[in-house]
Amino acid sequence: MRRIIEGNQANLIGERIRNARIQAGFSQQQLADRLELMAVYVCRGSVSRIENGERMITDIEIDAISRVLKVSLDYLFSRK
């Protein structure tokens, strides 16, 4: 099966998550803590790897991150 993303990149939205997190004024640890309150367990190190494109991200994690950061899924996926 061919990969959709070429190279070593494991996700398409890490940079957008980083931008939204910074815009919301959250540290990576604060984002991880807020996700945990939603029963989505992503440690601070995993947040870093997601933002760097080094870790795959599940649909449940994407939905929770968009809710915590108060951004749309369209924003995260760079859709108009």
PDB file of N, CA and C in Angstrom:
ATOM      1  N   MET A   1       0.841  -1.175   0.000  1.00  0.00           N
ATOM      2  CA  MET A   1       0.000   0.000   0.000  1.00  0.00           C
ATOM      3  C   MET A   1       0.887   1.239   0.000  1.00  0.00           C
ATOM      4  N   ARG A   2       0.597   2.157  -0.885  1.00  0.00           N
ATOM      5  CA  ARG A   2       1.374   3.386  -0.987  1.00  0.00           C
ATOM      6  C   ARG A   2       0.988   4.376   0.089  1.00  0.00           C
ATOM      7  N   ARG A   3       1.973   5.075   0.610  1.00  0.00           N
ATOM      8  CA  ARG A   3       1.700   6.121   1.594  1.00  0.00           C
ATOM      9  C   ARG A   3       1.147   7.349   0.909  1.00  0.00           C
ATOM     10  N   ILE A   4       0.223   8.005   1.570  1.00  0.00           N
ATOM     11  CA  ILE A   4      -0.335   9.257   1.051  1.00  0.00           C
ATOM     12  C   ILE A   4       0.676  10.382   1.207  1.00  0.00           C
ATOM     13  N   ILE A   5       1.398  10.369   2.318  1.00  0.00           N
ATOM     14  CA  ILE A   5       2.390  11.398   2.604  1.00  0.00           C
ATOM     15  C   ILE A   5       3.761  10.833   2.274  1.00  0.00           C
ATOM     16  N   GLU A   6       4.510  11.537   1.464  1.00  0.00           N
ATOM     17  CA  GLU A   6       5.835  11.078   1.073  1.00  0.00           C
ATOM     18  C   GLU A   6       6.866  11.437   2.134  1.00  0.00           C
ATOM     19  N   GLY A   7       7.959  10.729   2.159  1.00  0.00           N
ATOM     20  CA  GLY A   7       9.047  11.021   3.077  1.00  0.00           C
ATOM     21  C   GLY A   7       8.772  10.535   4.483  1.00  0.00           C
ATOM     22  N   ASN A   8       9.353  11.224   5.450  1.00  0.00           N
ATOM     23  CA  ASN A   8       9.250  10.820   6.847  1.00  0.00           C
ATOM     24  C   ASN A   8       8.094  11.463   7.584  1.00  0.00           C
ATOM     25  N   GLN A   9       7.382  12.358   6.936  1.00  0.00           N
ATOM     26  CA  GLN A   9       6.278  13.055   7.589  1.00  0.00           C
ATOM     27  C   GLN A   9       5.151  12.079   7.896  1.00  0.00           C
ATOM     28  N   ALA A  10       4.664  12.106   9.150  1.00  0.00           N
ATOM     29  CA  ALA A  10       3.637  11.158   9.578  1.00  0.00           C
ATOM     30  C   ALA A  10       2.245  11.775   9.634  1.00  0.00           C
ATOM     31  N   ASN A  11       2.147  13.110   9.499  1.00  0.00           N
ATOM     32  CA  ASN A  11       0.829  13.754   9.477  1.00  0.00           C
ATOM     33  C   ASN A  11       0.894  15.046   8.680  1.00  0.00           C
ATOM     34  N   LEU A  12      -0.265  15.545   8.313  1.00  0.00           N
ATOM     35  CA  LEU A  12      -0.348  16.766   7.515  1.00  0.00           C
ATOM     36  C   LEU A  12      -0.645  18.010   8.342  1.00  0.00           C
ATOM     37  N   ILE A  13      -1.044  17.847   9.597  1.00  0.00           N
ATOM     38  CA  ILE A  13      -1.605  18.973  10.333  1.00  0.00           C
ATOM     39  C   ILE A  13      -0.772  19.442  11.523  1.00  0.00           C
ATOM     40  N   GLY A  14       0.389  18.884  11.722  1.00  0.00           N
ATOM     41  CA  GLY A  14       1.195  19.228  12.882  1.00  0.00           C
ATOM     42  C   GLY A  14       1.520  20.705  12.987  1.00  0.00           C
ATOM     43  N   GLU A  15       1.912  21.312  11.889  1.00  0.00           N
ATOM     44  CA  GLU A  15       2.269  22.732  11.906  1.00  0.00           C
ATOM     45  C   GLU A  15       1.058  23.588  12.264  1.00  0.00           C
ATOM     46  N   ARG A  16      -0.108  23.229  11.729  1.00  0.00           N
ATOM     47  CA  ARG A  16      -1.328  23.965  12.055  1.00  0.00           C
ATOM     48  C   ARG A  16      -1.694  23.816  13.524  1.00  0.00           C
ATOM     49  N   ILE A  17      -1.483  22.625  14.072  1.00  0.00           N
ATOM     50  CA  ILE A  17      -1.750  22.422  15.499  1.00  0.00           C
ATOM     51  C   ILE A  17      -0.821  23.308  16.314  1.00  0.00           C
ATOM     52  N   ARG A  18       0.457  23.349  15.959  1.00  0.00           N
ATOM     53  CA  ARG A  18       1.410  24.197  16.678  1.00  0.00           C
ATOM     54  C   ARG A  18       0.970  25.660  16.626  1.00  0.00           C
ATOM     55  N   ASN A  19       0.611  26.132  15.442  1.00  0.00           N
ATOM     56  CA  ASN A  19       0.191  27.527  15.301  1.00  0.00           C
ATOM     57  C   ASN A  19      -1.047  27.823  16.142  1.00  0.00           C
ATOM     58  N   ALA A  20      -2.023  26.922  16.115  1.00  0.00           N
ATOM     59  CA  ALA A  20      -3.256  27.130  16.876  1.00  0.00           C
ATOM     60  C   ALA A  20      -2.971  27.075  18.378  1.00  0.00           C
ATOM     61  N   ARG A  21      -2.091  26.182  18.791  1.00  0.00           N
ATOM     62  CA  ARG A  21      -1.739  26.081  20.214  1.00  0.00           C
ATOM     63  C   ARG A  21      -1.083  27.363  20.700  1.00  0.00           C
ATOM     64  N   ILE A  22      -0.145  27.871  19.933  1.00  0.00           N
ATOM     65  CA  ILE A  22       0.548  29.106  20.304  1.00  0.00           C
ATOM     66  C   ILE A  22      -0.440  30.273  20.318  1.00  0.00           C
ATOM     67  N   GLN A  23      -1.308  30.324  19.306  1.00  0.00           N
ATOM     68  CA  GLN A  23      -2.316  31.384  19.239  1.00  0.00           C
ATOM     69  C   GLN A  23      -3.245  31.336  20.456  1.00  0.00           C
ATOM     70  N   ALA A  24      -3.553  30.130  20.937  1.00  0.00           N
ATOM     71  CA  ALA A  24      -4.424  29.964  22.106  1.00  0.00           C
ATOM     72  C   ALA A  24      -3.677  30.250  23.412  1.00  0.00           C
ATOM     73  N   GLY A  25      -2.359  30.374  23.338  1.00  0.00           N
ATOM     74  CA  GLY A  25      -1.566  30.673  24.524  1.00  0.00           C
ATOM     75  C   GLY A  25      -1.285  29.472  25.405  1.00  0.00           C
ATOM     76  N   PHE A  26      -1.320  28.267  24.819  1.00  0.00           N
ATOM     77  CA  PHE A  26      -1.073  27.033  25.569  1.00  0.00           C
ATOM     78  C   PHE A  26       0.343  26.535  25.322  1.00  0.00           C
ATOM     79  N   SER A  27       0.939  25.993  26.367  1.00  0.00           N
ATOM     80  CA  SER A  27       2.175  25.238  26.190  1.00  0.00           C
ATOM     81  C   SER A  27       1.797  23.830  25.718  1.00  0.00           C
ATOM     82  N   GLN A  28       2.784  23.070  25.301  1.00  0.00           N
ATOM     83  CA  GLN A  28       2.498  21.687  24.912  1.00  0.00           C
ATOM     84  C   GLN A  28       1.942  20.908  26.096  1.00  0.00           C
ATOM     85  N   GLN A  29       2.473  21.155  27.289  1.00  0.00           N
ATOM     86  CA  GLN A  29       1.981  20.458  28.478  1.00  0.00           C
ATOM     87  C   GLN A  29       0.542  20.845  28.790  1.00  0.00           C
ATOM     88  N   GLN A  30       0.207  22.114  28.637  1.00  0.00           N
ATOM     89  CA  GLN A  30      -1.170  22.549  28.890  1.00  0.00           C
ATOM     90  C   GLN A  30      -2.137  21.903  27.906  1.00  0.00           C
ATOM     91  N   LEU A  31      -1.724  21.776  26.648  1.00  0.00           N
ATOM     92  CA  LEU A  31      -2.568  21.102  25.667  1.00  0.00           C
ATOM     93  C   LEU A  31      -2.754  19.644  26.066  1.00  0.00           C
ATOM     94  N   ALA A  32      -1.668  18.963  26.432  1.00  0.00           N
ATOM     95  CA  ALA A  32      -1.759  17.562  26.857  1.00  0.00           C
ATOM     96  C   ALA A  32      -2.688  17.421  28.064  1.00  0.00           C
ATOM     97  N   ASP A  33      -2.585  18.354  29.012  1.00  0.00           N
ATOM     98  CA  ASP A  33      -3.438  18.313  30.208  1.00  0.00           C
ATOM     99  C   ASP A  33      -4.914  18.485  29.848  1.00  0.00           C
ATOM    100  N   ARG A  34      -5.206  19.404  28.956  1.00  0.00           N
ATOM    101  CA  ARG A  34      -6.597  19.633  28.545  1.00  0.00           C
ATOM    102  C   ARG A  34      -7.157  18.436  27.784  1.00  0.00           C
ATOM    103  N   LEU A  35      -6.328  17.816  26.969  1.00  0.00           N
ATOM    104  CA  LEU A  35      -6.765  16.613  26.256  1.00  0.00           C
ATOM    105  C   LEU A  35      -7.087  15.497  27.239  1.00  0.00           C
ATOM    106  N   GLU A  36      -6.271  15.378  28.284  1.00  0.00           N
ATOM    107  CA  GLU A  36      -6.502  14.343  29.285  1.00  0.00           C
ATOM    108  C   GLU A  36      -7.852  14.531  29.970  1.00  0.00           C
ATOM    109  N   LEU A  37      -8.266  15.775  30.176  1.00  0.00           N
ATOM    110  CA  LEU A  37      -9.582  16.041  30.760  1.00  0.00           C
ATOM    111  C   LEU A  37     -10.718  15.545  29.869  1.00  0.00           C
ATOM    112  N   MET A  38     -10.420  15.363  28.579  1.00  0.00           N
ATOM    113  CA  MET A  38     -11.392  14.838  27.625  1.00  0.00           C
ATOM    114  C   MET A  38     -11.199  13.335  27.409  1.00  0.00           C
ATOM    115  N   ALA A  39     -10.396  12.707  28.251  1.00  0.00           N
ATOM    116  CA  ALA A  39     -10.079  11.271  28.162  1.00  0.00           C
ATOM    117  C   ALA A  39      -9.335  10.926  26.871  1.00  0.00           C
ATOM    118  N   VAL A  40      -8.534  11.871  26.390  1.00  0.00           N
ATOM    119  CA  VAL A  40      -7.661  11.651  25.237  1.00  0.00           C
ATOM    120  C   VAL A  40      -6.244  11.806  25.774  1.00  0.00           C
ATOM    121  N   TYR A  41      -5.533  10.690  25.852  1.00  0.00           N
ATOM    122  CA  TYR A  41      -4.246  10.669  26.534  1.00  0.00           C
ATOM    123  C   TYR A  41      -3.096  10.815  25.542  1.00  0.00           C
ATOM    124  N   VAL A  42      -2.589  12.042  25.460  1.00  0.00           N
ATOM    125  CA  VAL A  42      -1.458  12.388  24.609  1.00  0.00           C
ATOM    126  C   VAL A  42      -0.470  13.137  25.504  1.00  0.00           C
ATOM    127  N   CYS A  43       0.691  12.557  25.733  1.00  0.00           N
ATOM    128  CA  CYS A  43       1.665  13.214  26.612  1.00  0.00           C
ATOM    129  C   CYS A  43       2.307  14.411  25.895  1.00  0.00           C
ATOM    130  N   ARG A  44       3.034  15.219  26.659  1.00  0.00           N
ATOM    131  CA  ARG A  44       3.669  16.402  26.094  1.00  0.00           C
ATOM    132  C   ARG A  44       4.640  16.033  24.979  1.00  0.00           C
ATOM    133  N   GLY A  45       5.379  14.949  25.166  1.00  0.00           N
ATOM    134  CA  GLY A  45       6.310  14.507  24.130  1.00  0.00           C
ATOM    135  C   GLY A  45       5.607  14.123  22.842  1.00  0.00           C
ATOM    136  N   SER A  46       4.438  13.520  22.969  1.00  0.00           N
ATOM    137  CA  SER A  46       3.664  13.161  21.781  1.00  0.00           C
ATOM    138  C   SER A  46       3.131  14.404  21.085  1.00  0.00           C
ATOM    139  N   VAL A  47       2.737  15.415  21.866  1.00  0.00           N
ATOM    140  CA  VAL A  47       2.308  16.681  21.259  1.00  0.00           C
ATOM    141  C   VAL A  47       3.446  17.246  20.426  1.00  0.00           C
ATOM    142  N   SER A  48       4.649  17.220  20.971  1.00  0.00           N
ATOM    143  CA  SER A  48       5.819  17.710  20.237  1.00  0.00           C
ATOM    144  C   SER A  48       6.022  16.937  18.940  1.00  0.00           C
ATOM    145  N   ARG A  49       5.957  15.603  19.013  1.00  0.00           N
ATOM    146  CA  ARG A  49       6.159  14.778  17.814  1.00  0.00           C
ATOM    147  C   ARG A  49       5.035  14.989  16.788  1.00  0.00           C
ATOM    148  N   ILE A  50       3.810  15.201  17.254  1.00  0.00           N
ATOM    149  CA  ILE A  50       2.709  15.509  16.329  1.00  0.00           C
ATOM    150  C   ILE A  50       2.997  16.820  15.614  1.00  0.00           C
ATOM    151  N   GLU A  51       3.368  17.841  16.386  1.00  0.00           N
ATOM    152  CA  GLU A  51       3.642  19.158  15.794  1.00  0.00           C
ATOM    153  C   GLU A  51       4.804  19.117  14.813  1.00  0.00           C
ATOM    154  N   ASN A  52       5.771  18.251  15.073  1.00  0.00           N
ATOM    155  CA  ASN A  52       6.931  18.126  14.176  1.00  0.00           C
ATOM    156  C   ASN A  52       6.664  17.194  12.995  1.00  0.00           C
ATOM    157  N   GLY A  53       5.475  16.604  12.946  1.00  0.00           N
ATOM    158  CA  GLY A  53       5.139  15.699  11.854  1.00  0.00           C
ATOM    159  C   GLY A  53       5.756  14.327  11.996  1.00  0.00           C
ATOM    160  N   GLU A  54       6.245  13.989  13.188  1.00  0.00           N
ATOM    161  CA  GLU A  54       6.936  12.719  13.411  1.00  0.00           C
ATOM    162  C   GLU A  54       6.020  11.616  13.925  1.00  0.00           C
ATOM    163  N   ARG A  55       4.787  11.981  14.335  1.00  0.00           N
ATOM    164  CA  ARG A  55       3.860  11.003  14.912  1.00  0.00           C
ATOM    165  C   ARG A  55       2.527  11.085  14.197  1.00  0.00           C
ATOM    166  N   MET A  56       1.985   9.917  13.915  1.00  0.00           N
ATOM    167  CA  MET A  56       0.644   9.880  13.343  1.00  0.00           C
ATOM    168  C   MET A  56      -0.344  10.337  14.405  1.00  0.00           C
ATOM    169  N   ILE A  57      -1.505  10.778  13.953  1.00  0.00           N
ATOM    170  CA  ILE A  57      -2.515  11.289  14.867  1.00  0.00           C
ATOM    171  C   ILE A  57      -3.856  10.662  14.501  1.00  0.00           C
ATOM    172  N   THR A  58      -4.602  10.238  15.500  1.00  0.00           N
ATOM    173  CA  THR A  58      -5.876   9.567  15.243  1.00  0.00           C
ATOM    174  C   THR A  58      -6.984  10.592  15.042  1.00  0.00           C
ATOM    175  N   ASP A  59      -8.077  10.131  14.476  1.00  0.00           N
ATOM    176  CA  ASP A  59      -9.217  11.019  14.288  1.00  0.00           C
ATOM    177  C   ASP A  59      -9.768  11.514  15.624  1.00  0.00           C
ATOM    178  N   ILE A  60      -9.748  10.675  16.646  1.00  0.00           N
ATOM    179  CA  ILE A  60     -10.218  11.079  17.979  1.00  0.00           C
ATOM    180  C   ILE A  60      -9.323  12.188  18.528  1.00  0.00           C
ATOM    181  N   GLU A  61      -8.016  12.053  18.340  1.00  0.00           N
ATOM    182  CA  GLU A  61      -7.089  13.085  18.802  1.00  0.00           C
ATOM    183  C   GLU A  61      -7.285  14.390  18.032  1.00  0.00           C
ATOM    184  N   ILE A  62      -7.474  14.300  16.736  1.00  0.00           N
ATOM    185  CA  ILE A  62      -7.695  15.496  15.921  1.00  0.00           C
ATOM    186  C   ILE A  62      -8.945  16.229  16.380  1.00  0.00           C
ATOM    187  N   ASP A  63     -10.021  15.493  16.590  1.00  0.00           N
ATOM    188  CA  ASP A  63     -11.270  16.115  17.029  1.00  0.00           C
ATOM    189  C   ASP A  63     -11.090  16.794  18.383  1.00  0.00           C
ATOM    190  N   ALA A  64     -10.454  16.118  19.324  1.00  0.00           N
ATOM    191  CA  ALA A  64     -10.249  16.686  20.655  1.00  0.00           C
ATOM    192  C   ALA A  64      -9.349  17.922  20.595  1.00  0.00           C
ATOM    193  N   ILE A  65      -8.299  17.870  19.814  1.00  0.00           N
ATOM    194  CA  ILE A  65      -7.400  19.021  19.683  1.00  0.00           C
ATOM    195  C   ILE A  65      -8.143  20.213  19.095  1.00  0.00           C
ATOM    196  N   SER A  66      -8.967  19.974  18.089  1.00  0.00           N
ATOM    197  CA  SER A  66      -9.714  21.087  17.488  1.00  0.00           C
ATOM    198  C   SER A  66     -10.666  21.708  18.508  1.00  0.00           C
ATOM    199  N   ARG A  67     -11.248  20.889  19.371  1.00  0.00           N
ATOM    200  CA  ARG A  67     -12.155  21.404  20.408  1.00  0.00           C
ATOM    201  C   ARG A  67     -11.389  22.182  21.481  1.00  0.00           C
ATOM    202  N   VAL A  68     -10.283  21.639  21.946  1.00  0.00           N
ATOM    203  CA  VAL A  68      -9.500  22.318  22.981  1.00  0.00           C
ATOM    204  C   VAL A  68      -8.967  23.651  22.467  1.00  0.00           C
ATOM    205  N   LEU A  69      -8.462  23.655  21.245  1.00  0.00           N
ATOM    206  CA  LEU A  69      -7.869  24.871  20.680  1.00  0.00           C
ATOM    207  C   LEU A  69      -8.900  25.792  20.034  1.00  0.00           C
ATOM    208  N   LYS A  70     -10.147  25.329  19.967  1.00  0.00           N
ATOM    209  CA  LYS A  70     -11.261  26.116  19.404  1.00  0.00           C
ATOM    210  C   LYS A  70     -10.970  26.553  17.964  1.00  0.00           C
ATOM    211  N   VAL A  71     -10.541  25.564  17.170  1.00  0.00           N
ATOM    212  CA  VAL A  71     -10.345  25.790  15.742  1.00  0.00           C
ATOM    213  C   VAL A  71     -11.117  24.712  14.987  1.00  0.00           C
ATOM    214  N   SER A  72     -11.472  25.007  13.774  1.00  0.00           N
ATOM    215  CA  SER A  72     -12.237  24.054  12.973  1.00  0.00           C
ATOM    216  C   SER A  72     -11.328  22.984  12.381  1.00  0.00           C
ATOM    217  N   LEU A  73     -11.937  21.884  12.026  1.00  0.00           N
ATOM    218  CA  LEU A  73     -11.201  20.848  11.304  1.00  0.00           C
ATOM    219  C   LEU A  73     -10.735  21.388   9.961  1.00  0.00           C
ATOM    220  N   ASP A  74     -11.530  22.240   9.334  1.00  0.00           N
ATOM    221  CA  ASP A  74     -11.114  22.860   8.075  1.00  0.00           C
ATOM    222  C   ASP A  74      -9.830  23.650   8.264  1.00  0.00           C
ATOM    223  N   TYR A  75      -9.703  24.371   9.364  1.00  0.00           N
ATOM    224  CA  TYR A  75      -8.471  25.097   9.635  1.00  0.00           C
ATOM    225  C   TYR A  75      -7.296  24.125   9.746  1.00  0.00           C
ATOM    226  N   LEU A  76      -7.463  23.075  10.538  1.00  0.00           N
ATOM    227  CA  LEU A  76      -6.359  22.140  10.742  1.00  0.00           C
ATOM    228  C   LEU A  76      -5.908  21.488   9.447  1.00  0.00           C
ATOM    229  N   PHE A  77      -6.867  21.228   8.546  1.00  0.00           N
ATOM    230  CA  PHE A  77      -6.524  20.581   7.282  1.00  0.00           C
ATOM    231  C   PHE A  77      -6.286  21.583   6.156  1.00  0.00           C
ATOM    232  N   SER A  78      -6.164  22.853   6.496  1.00  0.00           N
ATOM    233  CA  SER A  78      -5.879  23.931   5.529  1.00  0.00           C
ATOM    234  C   SER A  78      -6.900  24.009   4.412  1.00  0.00           C
ATOM    235  N   ARG A  79      -8.150  23.748   4.764  1.00  0.00           N
ATOM    236  CA  ARG A  79      -9.225  23.875   3.775  1.00  0.00           C
ATOM    237  C   ARG A  79      -9.802  25.272   3.839  1.00  0.00           C
ATOM    238  N   LYS A  80     -10.296  25.732   2.737  1.00  0.00           N
ATOM    239  CA  LYS A  80     -10.905  27.071   2.672  1.00  0.00           C
ATOM    240  C   LYS A  80     -12.255  27.073   3.320  1.00  0.00           C
TER     241      LYS A  80
END
